[in-house]
Amino acid sequence: MRIHADHTVCEGIGMCEATADDYFEVGDDGFVKVLDDSPEESERTYVKAAVEACPVSALRLEG
């Protein structure tokens, strides 16, 4: 599984970072940065919750 962030949609709200700060960070430019795009199996539920928390659907999981 890989995390994909769409910066054309991201508004920098930060719900992903608030939910999973080991994987997401809103940068000074106002866009999400994916800190680790390949979470371990044990972290997938945590990451999936963060992706689903995005109010503008700027994140998705592939694979």
PDB file of N, CA and C in Angstrom:
ATOM      1  N   MET A   1       0.846  -1.173   0.000  1.00  0.00           N
ATOM      2  CA  MET A   1       0.000   0.000   0.000  1.00  0.00           C
ATOM      3  C   MET A   1       0.895   1.241   0.000  1.00  0.00           C
ATOM      4  N   ARG A   2       0.495   2.222  -0.808  1.00  0.00           N
ATOM      5  CA  ARG A   2       1.208   3.490  -0.871  1.00  0.00           C
ATOM      6  C   ARG A   2       0.218   4.640  -0.662  1.00  0.00           C
ATOM      7  N   ILE A   3       0.711   5.709  -0.093  1.00  0.00           N
ATOM      8  CA  ILE A   3      -0.099   6.899   0.140  1.00  0.00           C
ATOM      9  C   ILE A   3       0.179   7.889  -0.984  1.00  0.00           C
ATOM     10  N   HIS A   4      -0.882   8.448  -1.535  1.00  0.00           N
ATOM     11  CA  HIS A   4      -0.749   9.459  -2.579  1.00  0.00           C
ATOM     12  C   HIS A   4      -1.458  10.728  -2.114  1.00  0.00           C
ATOM     13  N   ALA A   5      -0.791  11.869  -2.254  1.00  0.00           N
ATOM     14  CA  ALA A   5      -1.381  13.167  -1.912  1.00  0.00           C
ATOM     15  C   ALA A   5      -1.541  13.991  -3.183  1.00  0.00           C
ATOM     16  N   ASP A   6      -2.724  14.536  -3.388  1.00  0.00           N
ATOM     17  CA  ASP A   6      -3.025  15.365  -4.549  1.00  0.00           C
ATOM     18  C   ASP A   6      -2.964  16.829  -4.121  1.00  0.00           C
ATOM     19  N   HIS A   7      -1.881  17.503  -4.481  1.00  0.00           N
ATOM     20  CA  HIS A   7      -1.692  18.887  -4.066  1.00  0.00           C
ATOM     21  C   HIS A   7      -2.595  19.858  -4.813  1.00  0.00           C
ATOM     22  N   THR A   8      -3.220  19.415  -5.892  1.00  0.00           N
ATOM     23  CA  THR A   8      -4.172  20.287  -6.585  1.00  0.00           C
ATOM     24  C   THR A   8      -5.475  20.393  -5.818  1.00  0.00           C
ATOM     25  N   VAL A   9      -5.703  19.475  -4.877  1.00  0.00           N
ATOM     26  CA  VAL A   9      -6.928  19.453  -4.078  1.00  0.00           C
ATOM     27  C   VAL A   9      -6.663  19.875  -2.634  1.00  0.00           C
ATOM     28  N   CYS A  10      -5.470  19.587  -2.117  1.00  0.00           N
ATOM     29  CA  CYS A  10      -5.124  19.845  -0.711  1.00  0.00           C
ATOM     30  C   CYS A  10      -5.329  21.313  -0.341  1.00  0.00           C
ATOM     31  N   GLU A  11      -5.967  21.530   0.795  1.00  0.00           N
ATOM     32  CA  GLU A  11      -6.161  22.878   1.330  1.00  0.00           C
ATOM     33  C   GLU A  11      -5.377  23.103   2.617  1.00  0.00           C
ATOM     34  N   GLY A  12      -4.572  22.131   3.024  1.00  0.00           N
ATOM     35  CA  GLY A  12      -3.724  22.289   4.196  1.00  0.00           C
ATOM     36  C   GLY A  12      -4.474  22.354   5.509  1.00  0.00           C
ATOM     37  N   ILE A  13      -5.622  21.747   5.572  1.00  0.00           N
ATOM     38  CA  ILE A  13      -6.449  21.784   6.782  1.00  0.00           C
ATOM     39  C   ILE A  13      -5.764  21.059   7.940  1.00  0.00           C
ATOM     40  N   GLY A  14      -5.095  19.949   7.654  1.00  0.00           N
ATOM     41  CA  GLY A  14      -4.282  19.276   8.660  1.00  0.00           C
ATOM     42  C   GLY A  14      -4.937  18.151   9.432  1.00  0.00           C
ATOM     43  N   MET A  15      -6.107  17.711   9.003  1.00  0.00           N
ATOM     44  CA  MET A  15      -6.749  16.585   9.691  1.00  0.00           C
ATOM     45  C   MET A  15      -5.885  15.334   9.602  1.00  0.00           C
ATOM     46  N   CYS A  16      -5.209  15.147   8.487  1.00  0.00           N
ATOM     47  CA  CYS A  16      -4.336  13.979   8.328  1.00  0.00           C
ATOM     48  C   CYS A  16      -3.193  14.027   9.339  1.00  0.00           C
ATOM     49  N   GLU A  17      -2.585  15.188   9.479  1.00  0.00           N
ATOM     50  CA  GLU A  17      -1.486  15.345  10.432  1.00  0.00           C
ATOM     51  C   GLU A  17      -1.976  15.159  11.862  1.00  0.00           C
ATOM     52  N   ALA A  18      -3.147  15.666  12.168  1.00  0.00           N
ATOM     53  CA  ALA A  18      -3.699  15.518  13.510  1.00  0.00           C
ATOM     54  C   ALA A  18      -3.998  14.052  13.830  1.00  0.00           C
ATOM     55  N   THR A  19      -4.326  13.286  12.813  1.00  0.00           N
ATOM     56  CA  THR A  19      -4.679  11.884  12.999  1.00  0.00           C
ATOM     57  C   THR A  19      -3.466  10.959  12.963  1.00  0.00           C
ATOM     58  N   ALA A  20      -2.498  11.270  12.097  1.00  0.00           N
ATOM     59  CA  ALA A  20      -1.336  10.379  11.908  1.00  0.00           C
ATOM     60  C   ALA A  20      -0.085  11.208  11.617  1.00  0.00           C
ATOM     61  N   ASP A  21       0.424  11.862  12.641  1.00  0.00           N
ATOM     62  CA  ASP A  21       1.560  12.770  12.442  1.00  0.00           C
ATOM     63  C   ASP A  21       2.881  12.074  12.127  1.00  0.00           C
ATOM     64  N   ASP A  22       2.920  10.761  12.235  1.00  0.00           N
ATOM     65  CA  ASP A  22       4.115  10.032  11.809  1.00  0.00           C
ATOM     66  C   ASP A  22       4.170   9.906  10.288  1.00  0.00           C
ATOM     67  N   TYR A  23       3.046  10.146   9.630  1.00  0.00           N
ATOM     68  CA  TYR A  23       2.943   9.947   8.189  1.00  0.00           C
ATOM     69  C   TYR A  23       2.655  11.217   7.405  1.00  0.00           C
ATOM     70  N   PHE A  24       2.057  12.226   8.049  1.00  0.00           N
ATOM     71  CA  PHE A  24       1.658  13.436   7.345  1.00  0.00           C
ATOM     72  C   PHE A  24       2.102  14.680   8.099  1.00  0.00           C
ATOM     73  N   GLU A  25       2.429  15.708   7.312  1.00  0.00           N
ATOM     74  CA  GLU A  25       2.785  17.003   7.886  1.00  0.00           C
ATOM     75  C   GLU A  25       2.364  18.084   6.903  1.00  0.00           C
ATOM     76  N   VAL A  26       1.697  19.110   7.392  1.00  0.00           N
ATOM     77  CA  VAL A  26       1.363  20.243   6.543  1.00  0.00           C
ATOM     78  C   VAL A  26       2.559  21.189   6.595  1.00  0.00           C
ATOM     79  N   GLY A  27       3.149  21.424   5.431  1.00  0.00           N
ATOM     80  CA  GLY A  27       4.347  22.241   5.345  1.00  0.00           C
ATOM     81  C   GLY A  27       4.057  23.727   5.380  1.00  0.00           C
ATOM     82  N   ASP A  28       5.101  24.518   5.393  1.00  0.00           N
ATOM     83  CA  ASP A  28       4.971  25.964   5.393  1.00  0.00           C
ATOM     84  C   ASP A  28       4.276  26.488   4.132  1.00  0.00           C
ATOM     85  N   ASP A  29       4.300  25.664   3.077  1.00  0.00           N
ATOM     86  CA  ASP A  29       3.637  26.040   1.828  1.00  0.00           C
ATOM     87  C   ASP A  29       2.132  25.777   1.863  1.00  0.00           C
ATOM     88  N   GLY A  30       1.646  25.177   2.952  1.00  0.00           N
ATOM     89  CA  GLY A  30       0.222  24.920   3.103  1.00  0.00           C
ATOM     90  C   GLY A  30      -0.256  23.617   2.502  1.00  0.00           C
ATOM     91  N   PHE A  31       0.664  22.779   2.051  1.00  0.00           N
ATOM     92  CA  PHE A  31       0.300  21.493   1.461  1.00  0.00           C
ATOM     93  C   PHE A  31       0.810  20.348   2.317  1.00  0.00           C
ATOM     94  N   VAL A  32       0.081  19.246   2.259  1.00  0.00           N
ATOM     95  CA  VAL A  32       0.477  18.064   3.009  1.00  0.00           C
ATOM     96  C   VAL A  32       1.741  17.468   2.404  1.00  0.00           C
ATOM     97  N   LYS A  33       2.610  17.010   3.274  1.00  0.00           N
ATOM     98  CA  LYS A  33       3.788  16.242   2.884  1.00  0.00           C
ATOM     99  C   LYS A  33       3.614  14.849   3.462  1.00  0.00           C
ATOM    100  N   VAL A  34       3.805  13.856   2.620  1.00  0.00           N
ATOM    101  CA  VAL A  34       3.741  12.478   3.077  1.00  0.00           C
ATOM    102  C   VAL A  34       5.134  12.113   3.574  1.00  0.00           C
ATOM    103  N   LEU A  35       5.263  11.857   4.848  1.00  0.00           N
ATOM    104  CA  LEU A  35       6.567  11.590   5.458  1.00  0.00           C
ATOM    105  C   LEU A  35       7.037  10.168   5.212  1.00  0.00           C
ATOM    106  N   ASP A  36       6.104   9.249   5.074  1.00  0.00           N
ATOM    107  CA  ASP A  36       6.415   7.845   4.810  1.00  0.00           C
ATOM    108  C   ASP A  36       5.269   7.310   3.971  1.00  0.00           C
ATOM    109  N   ASP A  37       5.512   7.064   2.686  1.00  0.00           N
ATOM    110  CA  ASP A  37       4.411   6.692   1.794  1.00  0.00           C
ATOM    111  C   ASP A  37       4.113   5.197   1.753  1.00  0.00           C
ATOM    112  N   SER A  38       4.853   4.397   2.501  1.00  0.00           N
ATOM    113  CA  SER A  38       4.638   2.947   2.514  1.00  0.00           C
ATOM    114  C   SER A  38       4.527   2.424   3.944  1.00  0.00           C
ATOM    115  N   PRO A  39       3.362   2.613   4.566  1.00  0.00           N
ATOM    116  CA  PRO A  39       3.209   2.172   5.962  1.00  0.00           C
ATOM    117  C   PRO A  39       3.257   0.657   6.111  1.00  0.00           C
ATOM    118  N   GLU A  40       3.778   0.236   7.224  1.00  0.00           N
ATOM    119  CA  GLU A  40       3.801  -1.184   7.563  1.00  0.00           C
ATOM    120  C   GLU A  40       2.371  -1.684   7.755  1.00  0.00           C
ATOM    121  N   GLU A  41       2.186  -2.958   7.622  1.00  0.00           N
ATOM    122  CA  GLU A  41       0.866  -3.581   7.790  1.00  0.00           C
ATOM    123  C   GLU A  41       0.222  -3.182   9.123  1.00  0.00           C
ATOM    124  N   SER A  42       1.005  -3.147  10.178  1.00  0.00           N
ATOM    125  CA  SER A  42       0.481  -2.833  11.505  1.00  0.00           C
ATOM    126  C   SER A  42       0.007  -1.386  11.644  1.00  0.00           C
ATOM    127  N   GLU A  43       0.412  -0.509  10.727  1.00  0.00           N
ATOM    128  CA  GLU A  43       0.051   0.910  10.779  1.00  0.00           C
ATOM    129  C   GLU A  43      -1.084   1.271   9.820  1.00  0.00           C
ATOM    130  N   ARG A  44      -1.525   0.348   9.027  1.00  0.00           N
ATOM    131  CA  ARG A  44      -2.477   0.660   7.955  1.00  0.00           C
ATOM    132  C   ARG A  44      -3.817   1.174   8.440  1.00  0.00           C
ATOM    133  N   THR A  45      -4.321   0.667   9.538  1.00  0.00           N
ATOM    134  CA  THR A  45      -5.596   1.150  10.061  1.00  0.00           C
ATOM    135  C   THR A  45      -5.466   2.607  10.477  1.00  0.00           C
ATOM    136  N   TYR A  46      -4.361   2.925  11.116  1.00  0.00           N
ATOM    137  CA  TYR A  46      -4.035   4.284  11.561  1.00  0.00           C
ATOM    138  C   TYR A  46      -3.961   5.232  10.362  1.00  0.00           C
ATOM    139  N   VAL A  47      -3.270   4.827   9.320  1.00  0.00           N
ATOM    140  CA  VAL A  47      -3.105   5.644   8.120  1.00  0.00           C
ATOM    141  C   VAL A  47      -4.427   5.775   7.369  1.00  0.00           C
ATOM    142  N   LYS A  48      -5.172   4.704   7.267  1.00  0.00           N
ATOM    143  CA  LYS A  48      -6.463   4.737   6.582  1.00  0.00           C
ATOM    144  C   LYS A  48      -7.402   5.728   7.260  1.00  0.00           C
ATOM    145  N   ALA A  49      -7.397   5.778   8.578  1.00  0.00           N
ATOM    146  CA  ALA A  49      -8.232   6.732   9.313  1.00  0.00           C
ATOM    147  C   ALA A  49      -7.837   8.165   8.978  1.00  0.00           C
ATOM    148  N   ALA A  50      -6.542   8.411   8.840  1.00  0.00           N
ATOM    149  CA  ALA A  50      -6.063   9.754   8.498  1.00  0.00           C
ATOM    150  C   ALA A  50      -6.485  10.138   7.084  1.00  0.00           C
ATOM    151  N   VAL A  51      -6.387   9.202   6.158  1.00  0.00           N
ATOM    152  CA  VAL A  51      -6.795   9.454   4.773  1.00  0.00           C
ATOM    153  C   VAL A  51      -8.287   9.767   4.721  1.00  0.00           C
ATOM    154  N   GLU A  52      -9.074   9.006   5.446  1.00  0.00           N
ATOM    155  CA  GLU A  52     -10.519   9.218   5.475  1.00  0.00           C
ATOM    156  C   GLU A  52     -10.906  10.502   6.193  1.00  0.00           C
ATOM    157  N   ALA A  53     -10.033  11.029   7.041  1.00  0.00           N
ATOM    158  CA  ALA A  53     -10.311  12.265   7.772  1.00  0.00           C
ATOM    159  C   ALA A  53     -10.156  13.511   6.908  1.00  0.00           C
ATOM    160  N   CYS A  54      -9.538  13.381   5.748  1.00  0.00           N
ATOM    161  CA  CYS A  54      -9.321  14.544   4.880  1.00  0.00           C
ATOM    162  C   CYS A  54     -10.663  15.045   4.344  1.00  0.00           C
ATOM    163  N   PRO A  55     -11.040  16.277   4.685  1.00  0.00           N
ATOM    164  CA  PRO A  55     -12.352  16.786   4.272  1.00  0.00           C
ATOM    165  C   PRO A  55     -12.456  17.117   2.780  1.00  0.00           C
ATOM    166  N   VAL A  56     -11.321  17.203   2.083  1.00  0.00           N
ATOM    167  CA  VAL A  56     -11.352  17.526   0.651  1.00  0.00           C
ATOM    168  C   VAL A  56     -10.894  16.347  -0.214  1.00  0.00           C
ATOM    169  N   SER A  57     -10.702  15.193   0.398  1.00  0.00           N
ATOM    170  CA  SER A  57     -10.306  13.967  -0.305  1.00  0.00           C
ATOM    171  C   SER A  57      -9.020  14.140  -1.129  1.00  0.00           C
ATOM    172  N   ALA A  58      -8.040  14.792  -0.523  1.00  0.00           N
ATOM    173  CA  ALA A  58      -6.763  15.003  -1.202  1.00  0.00           C
ATOM    174  C   ALA A  58      -5.816  13.807  -1.059  1.00  0.00           C
ATOM    175  N   LEU A  59      -6.196  12.852  -0.238  1.00  0.00           N
ATOM    176  CA  LEU A  59      -5.343  11.682   0.001  1.00  0.00           C
ATOM    177  C   LEU A  59      -6.031  10.427  -0.468  1.00  0.00           C
ATOM    178  N   ARG A  60      -5.220   9.484  -0.942  1.00  0.00           N
ATOM    179  CA  ARG A  60      -5.768   8.170  -1.269  1.00  0.00           C
ATOM    180  C   ARG A  60      -4.706   7.110  -1.054  1.00  0.00           C
ATOM    181  N   LEU A  61      -5.183   5.904  -0.877  1.00  0.00           N
ATOM    182  CA  LEU A  61      -4.305   4.757  -0.701  1.00  0.00           C
ATOM    183  C   LEU A  61      -4.328   3.952  -1.992  1.00  0.00           C
ATOM    184  N   GLU A  62      -3.159   3.549  -2.436  1.00  0.00           N
ATOM    185  CA  GLU A  62      -3.039   2.742  -3.648  1.00  0.00           C
ATOM    186  C   GLU A  62      -2.444   1.404  -3.289  1.00  0.00           C
ATOM    187  N   GLY A  63      -3.002   0.378  -3.869  1.00  0.00           N
ATOM    188  CA  GLY A  63      -2.443  -0.962  -3.674  1.00  0.00           C
ATOM    189  C   GLY A  63      -2.978  -1.735  -2.524  1.00  0.00           C
TER     190      GLY A  63
END
